[in-house]
Amino acid sequence: MDGEQPAPHVPALHVKVPRDRPLRVVGDVHGDARAFAHAIATERFIIQLGDLIDHGPSSAETLRQMFGLIDEGRGLFLVGNHDRKLGRALAGHRMRPDPPLEATLTQLDDSGLRARALLEIGRAPAWLVQGSRIFVHGGFHTGMLEQDPPAPLGRVTPLLSRALFGETTGRMQEDGYPERRLNWVDHIPRGFTVYCGHDRRSTDGRPWVRHGRGGGTAIFTDTGAGKGGHLAWIDL
């Protein structure tokens, strides 16, 4: 059972998002290191929206690529639900059976890489607000405009749950995954845009755009990398 333990507040970002530099927002990678290499071959600053690992063949290499960006001050990643599971496992927590996670752990045969992964996941932000742009893995909540994200490997607060998992109905789908809903999009303030991953809504391989009743916009960037699809990114 994956028990929840309190953890200290996540420290301030150790890699700052530059104000005067173009951005590239990269969706869920899921271990597709080859596609990620193409995405980061740019002078733009990289904001990766979480779920770096699991499912694809190269989770270890994907982590190395991301840590290289961090070391060079060229990018950061937000914590996704798959990243958090990896961090919890590396921290010694007992986890439910999870074949994609177990495959990723097998790939991480370098103790130095395991230690680095635990460090970086433990201090990765769950959301990031830059002016009228909001970056998050799963889904938005208005509280994110007022509160800093908590430490991702500790207790799952309501805001952290929304950031990691989006919004669910409480029902399970035939594929075994929770049924998700998008009511949260209607609460995005007018003029704000939320860039998120996690929820694969695209039917044409391009990021999927939904406008909310409150005047805000959500852009879903998960297009199936590591799961038979491809990796999407958006230049800002």
C-alpha atoms as a PDB file:
ATOM      1  CA  MET A   1       0.000   0.000   0.000  1.00  0.00           C
ATOM      2  CA  ASP A   2       1.359   3.415  -0.941  1.00  0.00           C
ATOM      3  CA  GLY A   3       0.940   5.236   2.384  1.00  0.00           C
ATOM      4  CA  GLU A   4       1.121   9.014   2.494  1.00  0.00           C
ATOM      5  CA  GLN A   5       3.621  10.747   4.755  1.00  0.00           C
ATOM      6  CA  PRO A   6       3.974  14.490   5.294  1.00  0.00           C
ATOM      7  CA  ALA A   7       6.965  16.201   3.721  1.00  0.00           C
ATOM      8  CA  PRO A   8       8.440  19.687   3.933  1.00  0.00           C
ATOM      9  CA  HIS A   9       7.488  22.403   1.484  1.00  0.00           C
ATOM     10  CA  VAL A  10       9.190  22.110  -1.876  1.00  0.00           C
ATOM     11  CA  PRO A  11      12.063  24.615  -2.155  1.00  0.00           C
ATOM     12  CA  ALA A  12      12.071  27.506  -4.584  1.00  0.00           C
ATOM     13  CA  LEU A  13      12.858  26.638  -8.186  1.00  0.00           C
ATOM     14  CA  HIS A  14      16.565  25.902  -8.567  1.00  0.00           C
ATOM     15  CA  VAL A  15      16.276  26.578 -12.302  1.00  0.00           C
ATOM     16  CA  LYS A  16      14.603  29.879 -13.089  1.00  0.00           C
ATOM     17  CA  VAL A  17      12.416  30.376 -16.139  1.00  0.00           C
ATOM     18  CA  PRO A  18      14.026  33.253 -18.055  1.00  0.00           C
ATOM     19  CA  ARG A  19      11.754  36.204 -18.733  1.00  0.00           C
ATOM     20  CA  ASP A  20      13.466  37.251 -21.953  1.00  0.00           C
ATOM     21  CA  ARG A  21      13.850  33.879 -23.668  1.00  0.00           C
ATOM     22  CA  PRO A  22      11.434  31.964 -25.912  1.00  0.00           C
ATOM     23  CA  LEU A  23       9.918  28.823 -24.392  1.00  0.00           C
ATOM     24  CA  ARG A  24       9.242  25.340 -25.672  1.00  0.00           C
ATOM     25  CA  VAL A  25       6.518  23.469 -23.787  1.00  0.00           C
ATOM     26  CA  VAL A  26       6.891  19.696 -24.147  1.00  0.00           C
ATOM     27  CA  GLY A  27       4.147  17.194 -23.368  1.00  0.00           C
ATOM     28  CA  ASP A  28       4.300  13.727 -21.809  1.00  0.00           C
ATOM     29  CA  VAL A  29       7.452  11.900 -22.952  1.00  0.00           C
ATOM     30  CA  HIS A  30       6.897   8.478 -21.349  1.00  0.00           C
ATOM     31  CA  GLY A  31      10.365   7.166 -22.028  1.00  0.00           C
ATOM     32  CA  ASP A  32      10.579   8.133 -25.703  1.00  0.00           C
ATOM     33  CA  ALA A  33      14.140   9.462 -25.515  1.00  0.00           C
ATOM     34  CA  ARG A  34      14.562   9.666 -29.282  1.00  0.00           C
ATOM     35  CA  ALA A  35      11.602  12.028 -29.646  1.00  0.00           C
ATOM     36  CA  PHE A  36      12.661  14.008 -26.587  1.00  0.00           C
ATOM     37  CA  ALA A  37      16.106  14.539 -28.131  1.00  0.00           C
ATOM     38  CA  HIS A  38      14.418  16.225 -31.097  1.00  0.00           C
ATOM     39  CA  ALA A  39      12.220  18.331 -28.807  1.00  0.00           C
ATOM     40  CA  ILE A  40      15.144  19.716 -26.807  1.00  0.00           C
ATOM     41  CA  ALA A  41      17.361  20.437 -29.827  1.00  0.00           C
ATOM     42  CA  THR A  42      16.588  24.136 -29.587  1.00  0.00           C
ATOM     43  CA  GLU A  43      17.860  27.352 -28.064  1.00  0.00           C
ATOM     44  CA  ARG A  44      14.491  27.798 -26.376  1.00  0.00           C
ATOM     45  CA  PHE A  45      14.043  27.176 -22.651  1.00  0.00           C
ATOM     46  CA  ILE A  46      12.289  23.835 -22.076  1.00  0.00           C
ATOM     47  CA  ILE A  47       9.295  23.419 -19.780  1.00  0.00           C
ATOM     48  CA  GLN A  48       8.400  19.725 -19.739  1.00  0.00           C
ATOM     49  CA  LEU A  49       4.930  19.031 -18.341  1.00  0.00           C
ATOM     50  CA  GLY A  50       5.587  15.792 -16.480  1.00  0.00           C
ATOM     51  CA  ASP A  51       5.500  12.025 -17.050  1.00  0.00           C
ATOM     52  CA  LEU A  52       9.029  11.759 -18.336  1.00  0.00           C
ATOM     53  CA  ILE A  53       9.101   8.032 -17.687  1.00  0.00           C
ATOM     54  CA  ASP A  54       7.207   4.703 -18.000  1.00  0.00           C
ATOM     55  CA  HIS A  55       5.809   2.844 -21.026  1.00  0.00           C
ATOM     56  CA  GLY A  56       8.504   3.834 -23.561  1.00  0.00           C
ATOM     57  CA  PRO A  57      11.802   2.001 -24.095  1.00  0.00           C
ATOM     58  CA  SER A  58      14.219   4.636 -22.787  1.00  0.00           C
ATOM     59  CA  SER A  59      13.111   6.074 -19.459  1.00  0.00           C
ATOM     60  CA  ALA A  60      16.663   6.122 -18.100  1.00  0.00           C
ATOM     61  CA  GLU A  61      17.967   8.058 -21.106  1.00  0.00           C
ATOM     62  CA  THR A  62      15.026  10.460 -20.935  1.00  0.00           C
ATOM     63  CA  LEU A  63      15.934  11.267 -17.334  1.00  0.00           C
ATOM     64  CA  ARG A  64      19.572  11.822 -18.293  1.00  0.00           C
ATOM     65  CA  GLN A  65      18.493  14.214 -21.036  1.00  0.00           C
ATOM     66  CA  MET A  66      16.288  16.181 -18.640  1.00  0.00           C
ATOM     67  CA  PHE A  67      18.977  16.370 -15.964  1.00  0.00           C
ATOM     68  CA  GLY A  68      21.405  17.641 -18.585  1.00  0.00           C
ATOM     69  CA  LEU A  69      19.019  20.497 -19.354  1.00  0.00           C
ATOM     70  CA  ILE A  70      18.742  21.298 -15.656  1.00  0.00           C
ATOM     71  CA  ASP A  71      22.526  21.307 -15.227  1.00  0.00           C
ATOM     72  CA  GLU A  72      22.875  23.687 -18.166  1.00  0.00           C
ATOM     73  CA  GLY A  73      20.079  25.963 -16.934  1.00  0.00           C
ATOM     74  CA  ARG A  74      18.142  25.255 -20.134  1.00  0.00           C
ATOM     75  CA  GLY A  75      15.006  23.640 -18.782  1.00  0.00           C
ATOM     76  CA  LEU A  76      12.919  22.157 -15.995  1.00  0.00           C
ATOM     77  CA  PHE A  77      10.164  19.602 -15.613  1.00  0.00           C
ATOM     78  CA  LEU A  78       6.947  19.548 -13.658  1.00  0.00           C
ATOM     79  CA  VAL A  79       6.145  16.457 -11.650  1.00  0.00           C
ATOM     80  CA  GLY A  80       3.615  14.105 -13.222  1.00  0.00           C
ATOM     81  CA  ASN A  81       1.833  11.180 -11.611  1.00  0.00           C
ATOM     82  CA  HIS A  82       4.267   8.680 -13.145  1.00  0.00           C
ATOM     83  CA  ASP A  83       7.274  10.694 -11.980  1.00  0.00           C
ATOM     84  CA  ARG A  84       5.851  10.844  -8.468  1.00  0.00           C
ATOM     85  CA  LYS A  85       5.372   7.060  -8.393  1.00  0.00           C
ATOM     86  CA  LEU A  86       8.994   6.605  -9.394  1.00  0.00           C
ATOM     87  CA  GLY A  87      10.122   9.031  -6.696  1.00  0.00           C
ATOM     88  CA  ARG A  88       8.077   7.222  -4.064  1.00  0.00           C
ATOM     89  CA  ALA A  89       9.528   3.877  -5.107  1.00  0.00           C
ATOM     90  CA  LEU A  90      13.088   5.212  -5.044  1.00  0.00           C
ATOM     91  CA  ALA A  91      12.429   6.647  -1.573  1.00  0.00           C
ATOM     92  CA  GLY A  92      11.632   3.132  -0.335  1.00  0.00           C
ATOM     93  CA  HIS A  93       7.840   3.248  -0.165  1.00  0.00           C
ATOM     94  CA  ARG A  94       5.928   0.065  -0.853  1.00  0.00           C
ATOM     95  CA  MET A  95       4.075   0.426  -4.138  1.00  0.00           C
ATOM     96  CA  ARG A  96       1.151  -1.372  -5.700  1.00  0.00           C
ATOM     97  CA  PRO A  97       2.041  -3.721  -8.590  1.00  0.00           C
ATOM     98  CA  ASP A  98       2.670  -1.517 -11.618  1.00  0.00           C
ATOM     99  CA  PRO A  99       4.345  -3.090 -14.695  1.00  0.00           C
ATOM    100  CA  PRO A 100       5.389   0.221 -16.364  1.00  0.00           C
ATOM    101  CA  LEU A 101       6.985   1.431 -13.117  1.00  0.00           C
ATOM    102  CA  GLU A 102       8.712  -1.911 -12.591  1.00  0.00           C
ATOM    103  CA  ALA A 103      10.118  -1.750 -16.131  1.00  0.00           C
ATOM    104  CA  THR A 104      11.439   1.764 -15.494  1.00  0.00           C
ATOM    105  CA  LEU A 105      13.082   0.689 -12.243  1.00  0.00           C
ATOM    106  CA  THR A 106      14.804  -2.137 -14.116  1.00  0.00           C
ATOM    107  CA  GLN A 107      16.219   0.390 -16.599  1.00  0.00           C
ATOM    108  CA  LEU A 108      17.598   2.516 -13.762  1.00  0.00           C
ATOM    109  CA  ASP A 109      20.533   0.221 -13.015  1.00  0.00           C
ATOM    110  CA  ASP A 110      22.853   3.146 -12.209  1.00  0.00           C
ATOM    111  CA  SER A 111      22.793   4.083  -8.518  1.00  0.00           C
ATOM    112  CA  GLY A 112      23.902   7.606  -9.367  1.00  0.00           C
ATOM    113  CA  LEU A 113      20.983   8.048 -11.750  1.00  0.00           C
ATOM    114  CA  ARG A 114      18.577   6.693  -9.134  1.00  0.00           C
ATOM    115  CA  ALA A 115      19.853   9.165  -6.560  1.00  0.00           C
ATOM    116  CA  ARG A 116      19.606  12.049  -9.034  1.00  0.00           C
ATOM    117  CA  ALA A 117      16.083  11.027 -10.028  1.00  0.00           C
ATOM    118  CA  LEU A 118      14.959  10.998  -6.402  1.00  0.00           C
ATOM    119  CA  LEU A 119      16.512  14.423  -5.825  1.00  0.00           C
ATOM    120  CA  GLU A 120      15.011  16.069  -8.899  1.00  0.00           C
ATOM    121  CA  ILE A 121      11.553  14.533  -8.562  1.00  0.00           C
ATOM    122  CA  GLY A 122      11.496  15.545  -4.914  1.00  0.00           C
ATOM    123  CA  ARG A 123      12.027  19.207  -5.773  1.00  0.00           C
ATOM    124  CA  ALA A 124      10.124  19.422  -9.070  1.00  0.00           C
ATOM    125  CA  PRO A 125       7.181  21.850  -8.948  1.00  0.00           C
ATOM    126  CA  ALA A 126       3.653  20.507  -9.399  1.00  0.00           C
ATOM    127  CA  TRP A 127       2.582  23.695 -11.151  1.00  0.00           C
ATOM    128  CA  LEU A 128       4.136  26.865 -12.436  1.00  0.00           C
ATOM    129  CA  VAL A 129       2.491  30.259 -12.996  1.00  0.00           C
ATOM    130  CA  GLN A 130       4.181  32.691 -15.374  1.00  0.00           C
ATOM    131  CA  GLY A 131       1.983  35.755 -15.843  1.00  0.00           C
ATOM    132  CA  SER A 132      -1.165  34.605 -17.635  1.00  0.00           C
ATOM    133  CA  ARG A 133       0.369  31.209 -18.463  1.00  0.00           C
ATOM    134  CA  ILE A 134      -0.107  28.249 -16.128  1.00  0.00           C
ATOM    135  CA  PHE A 135       1.837  25.012 -16.561  1.00  0.00           C
ATOM    136  CA  VAL A 136       0.650  21.824 -14.846  1.00  0.00           C
ATOM    137  CA  HIS A 137       0.613  18.116 -15.566  1.00  0.00           C
ATOM    138  CA  GLY A 138      -2.944  17.038 -14.832  1.00  0.00           C
ATOM    139  CA  GLY A 139      -5.410  19.855 -14.275  1.00  0.00           C
ATOM    140  CA  PHE A 140      -5.896  23.382 -12.980  1.00  0.00           C
ATOM    141  CA  HIS A 141      -7.505  24.736  -9.812  1.00  0.00           C
ATOM    142  CA  THR A 142      -7.880  28.408  -8.945  1.00  0.00           C
ATOM    143  CA  GLY A 143      -5.976  27.762  -5.714  1.00  0.00           C
ATOM    144  CA  MET A 144      -2.841  27.360  -7.800  1.00  0.00           C
ATOM    145  CA  LEU A 145      -2.909  31.099  -8.447  1.00  0.00           C
ATOM    146  CA  GLU A 146      -2.635  31.759  -4.715  1.00  0.00           C
ATOM    147  CA  GLN A 147      -0.541  28.900  -3.303  1.00  0.00           C
ATOM    148  CA  ASP A 148       2.911  27.551  -3.994  1.00  0.00           C
ATOM    149  CA  PRO A 149       3.066  23.844  -4.842  1.00  0.00           C
ATOM    150  CA  PRO A 150       3.779  21.405  -2.004  1.00  0.00           C
ATOM    151  CA  ALA A 151       6.603  18.881  -1.977  1.00  0.00           C
ATOM    152  CA  PRO A 152       5.517  16.255  -4.526  1.00  0.00           C
ATOM    153  CA  LEU A 153       6.577  13.143  -2.590  1.00  0.00           C
ATOM    154  CA  GLY A 154       4.615  13.940   0.557  1.00  0.00           C
ATOM    155  CA  ARG A 155       0.931  13.884   1.393  1.00  0.00           C
ATOM    156  CA  VAL A 156      -1.372  14.338  -1.574  1.00  0.00           C
ATOM    157  CA  THR A 157      -3.280  17.540  -0.876  1.00  0.00           C
ATOM    158  CA  PRO A 158      -6.369  18.423  -2.940  1.00  0.00           C
ATOM    159  CA  LEU A 159      -4.330  20.843  -5.063  1.00  0.00           C
ATOM    160  CA  LEU A 160      -1.541  18.328  -5.605  1.00  0.00           C
ATOM    161  CA  SER A 161      -4.120  15.710  -6.573  1.00  0.00           C
ATOM    162  CA  ARG A 162      -5.568  18.057  -9.189  1.00  0.00           C
ATOM    163  CA  ALA A 163      -2.081  18.856 -10.479  1.00  0.00           C
ATOM    164  CA  LEU A 164      -1.126  15.194 -10.796  1.00  0.00           C
ATOM    165  CA  PHE A 165      -4.366  13.520 -11.838  1.00  0.00           C
ATOM    166  CA  GLY A 166      -6.706  16.188 -13.171  1.00  0.00           C
ATOM    167  CA  GLU A 167     -10.382  15.819 -12.267  1.00  0.00           C
ATOM    168  CA  THR A 168     -12.159  12.458 -12.123  1.00  0.00           C
ATOM    169  CA  THR A 169     -15.774  11.340 -11.815  1.00  0.00           C
ATOM    170  CA  GLY A 170     -15.085   8.544  -9.328  1.00  0.00           C
ATOM    171  CA  ARG A 171     -15.972   5.908 -11.929  1.00  0.00           C
ATOM    172  CA  MET A 172     -13.632   3.505 -13.680  1.00  0.00           C
ATOM    173  CA  GLN A 173     -13.518   3.060 -17.454  1.00  0.00           C
ATOM    174  CA  GLU A 174     -13.386  -0.263 -19.293  1.00  0.00           C
ATOM    175  CA  ASP A 175      -9.626   0.178 -19.755  1.00  0.00           C
ATOM    176  CA  GLY A 176      -9.151   0.229 -15.977  1.00  0.00           C
ATOM    177  CA  TYR A 177      -8.319   3.932 -15.748  1.00  0.00           C
ATOM    178  CA  PRO A 178     -10.399   6.501 -13.854  1.00  0.00           C
ATOM    179  CA  GLU A 179     -12.965   8.382 -15.898  1.00  0.00           C
ATOM    180  CA  ARG A 180     -11.844  11.987 -16.247  1.00  0.00           C
ATOM    181  CA  ARG A 181     -13.860  15.165 -16.657  1.00  0.00           C
ATOM    182  CA  LEU A 182     -12.941  18.666 -17.689  1.00  0.00           C
ATOM    183  CA  ASN A 183     -15.107  20.902 -15.492  1.00  0.00           C
ATOM    184  CA  TRP A 184     -11.908  22.538 -14.262  1.00  0.00           C
ATOM    185  CA  VAL A 185     -11.429  24.177 -17.666  1.00  0.00           C
ATOM    186  CA  ASP A 186     -14.485  26.371 -17.022  1.00  0.00           C
ATOM    187  CA  HIS A 187     -12.747  27.850 -13.966  1.00  0.00           C
ATOM    188  CA  ILE A 188      -9.679  29.128 -15.802  1.00  0.00           C
ATOM    189  CA  PRO A 189      -9.833  32.935 -15.515  1.00  0.00           C
ATOM    190  CA  ARG A 190     -10.403  35.020 -18.609  1.00  0.00           C
ATOM    191  CA  GLY A 191      -7.165  35.709 -20.445  1.00  0.00           C
ATOM    192  CA  PHE A 192      -5.292  32.792 -18.836  1.00  0.00           C
ATOM    193  CA  THR A 193      -4.022  29.722 -20.689  1.00  0.00           C
ATOM    194  CA  VAL A 194      -3.295  26.402 -18.990  1.00  0.00           C
ATOM    195  CA  TYR A 195      -0.761  24.103 -20.661  1.00  0.00           C
ATOM    196  CA  CYS A 196      -1.209  20.539 -19.415  1.00  0.00           C
ATOM    197  CA  GLY A 197      -0.510  16.908 -20.259  1.00  0.00           C
ATOM    198  CA  HIS A 198      -1.801  13.678 -18.684  1.00  0.00           C
ATOM    199  CA  ASP A 199      -5.181  13.555 -20.431  1.00  0.00           C
ATOM    200  CA  ARG A 200      -4.837  12.407 -24.046  1.00  0.00           C
ATOM    201  CA  ARG A 201      -7.715  14.157 -25.818  1.00  0.00           C
ATOM    202  CA  SER A 202      -6.199  14.727 -29.243  1.00  0.00           C
ATOM    203  CA  THR A 203      -7.641  12.758 -32.148  1.00  0.00           C
ATOM    204  CA  ASP A 204      -5.418  14.170 -34.892  1.00  0.00           C
ATOM    205  CA  GLY A 205      -1.941  14.095 -33.332  1.00  0.00           C
ATOM    206  CA  ARG A 206      -1.932  17.799 -32.516  1.00  0.00           C
ATOM    207  CA  PRO A 207      -2.359  19.455 -29.110  1.00  0.00           C
ATOM    208  CA  TRP A 208      -6.052  19.708 -28.232  1.00  0.00           C
ATOM    209  CA  VAL A 209      -7.520  23.106 -27.326  1.00  0.00           C
ATOM    210  CA  ARG A 210     -10.590  23.663 -25.141  1.00  0.00           C
ATOM    211  CA  HIS A 211     -12.055  27.039 -24.206  1.00  0.00           C
ATOM    212  CA  GLY A 212     -13.786  27.362 -20.852  1.00  0.00           C
ATOM    213  CA  ARG A 213     -16.967  29.229 -19.925  1.00  0.00           C
ATOM    214  CA  GLY A 214     -14.924  31.538 -17.689  1.00  0.00           C
ATOM    215  CA  GLY A 215     -12.976  32.863 -20.651  1.00  0.00           C
ATOM    216  CA  GLY A 216      -9.777  30.847 -20.166  1.00  0.00           C
ATOM    217  CA  THR A 217      -8.197  28.216 -22.378  1.00  0.00           C
ATOM    218  CA  ALA A 218      -6.636  24.793 -21.794  1.00  0.00           C
ATOM    219  CA  ILE A 219      -4.173  23.221 -24.209  1.00  0.00           C
ATOM    220  CA  PHE A 220      -3.641  19.466 -23.804  1.00  0.00           C
ATOM    221  CA  THR A 221      -0.236  18.364 -25.076  1.00  0.00           C
ATOM    222  CA  ASP A 222      -0.273  14.582 -24.495  1.00  0.00           C
ATOM    223  CA  THR A 223      -0.336  13.001 -27.940  1.00  0.00           C
ATOM    224  CA  GLY A 224       0.750   9.502 -26.956  1.00  0.00           C
ATOM    225  CA  ALA A 225       4.550   9.489 -26.852  1.00  0.00           C
ATOM    226  CA  GLY A 226       5.807   6.152 -25.533  1.00  0.00           C
ATOM    227  CA  LYS A 227       2.361   4.615 -26.097  1.00  0.00           C
ATOM    228  CA  GLY A 228       2.272   4.343 -29.866  1.00  0.00           C
ATOM    229  CA  GLY A 229       1.760   8.040 -30.567  1.00  0.00           C
ATOM    230  CA  HIS A 230       4.264  10.854 -30.850  1.00  0.00           C
ATOM    231  CA  LEU A 231       5.653  13.683 -28.771  1.00  0.00           C
ATOM    232  CA  ALA A 232       4.119  17.155 -29.067  1.00  0.00           C
ATOM    233  CA  TRP A 233       5.563  20.518 -28.157  1.00  0.00           C
ATOM    234  CA  ILE A 234       4.475  24.139 -28.422  1.00  0.00           C
ATOM    235  CA  ASP A 235       6.769  27.110 -28.946  1.00  0.00           C
ATOM    236  CA  LEU A 236       5.857  30.294 -27.085  1.00  0.00           C
END
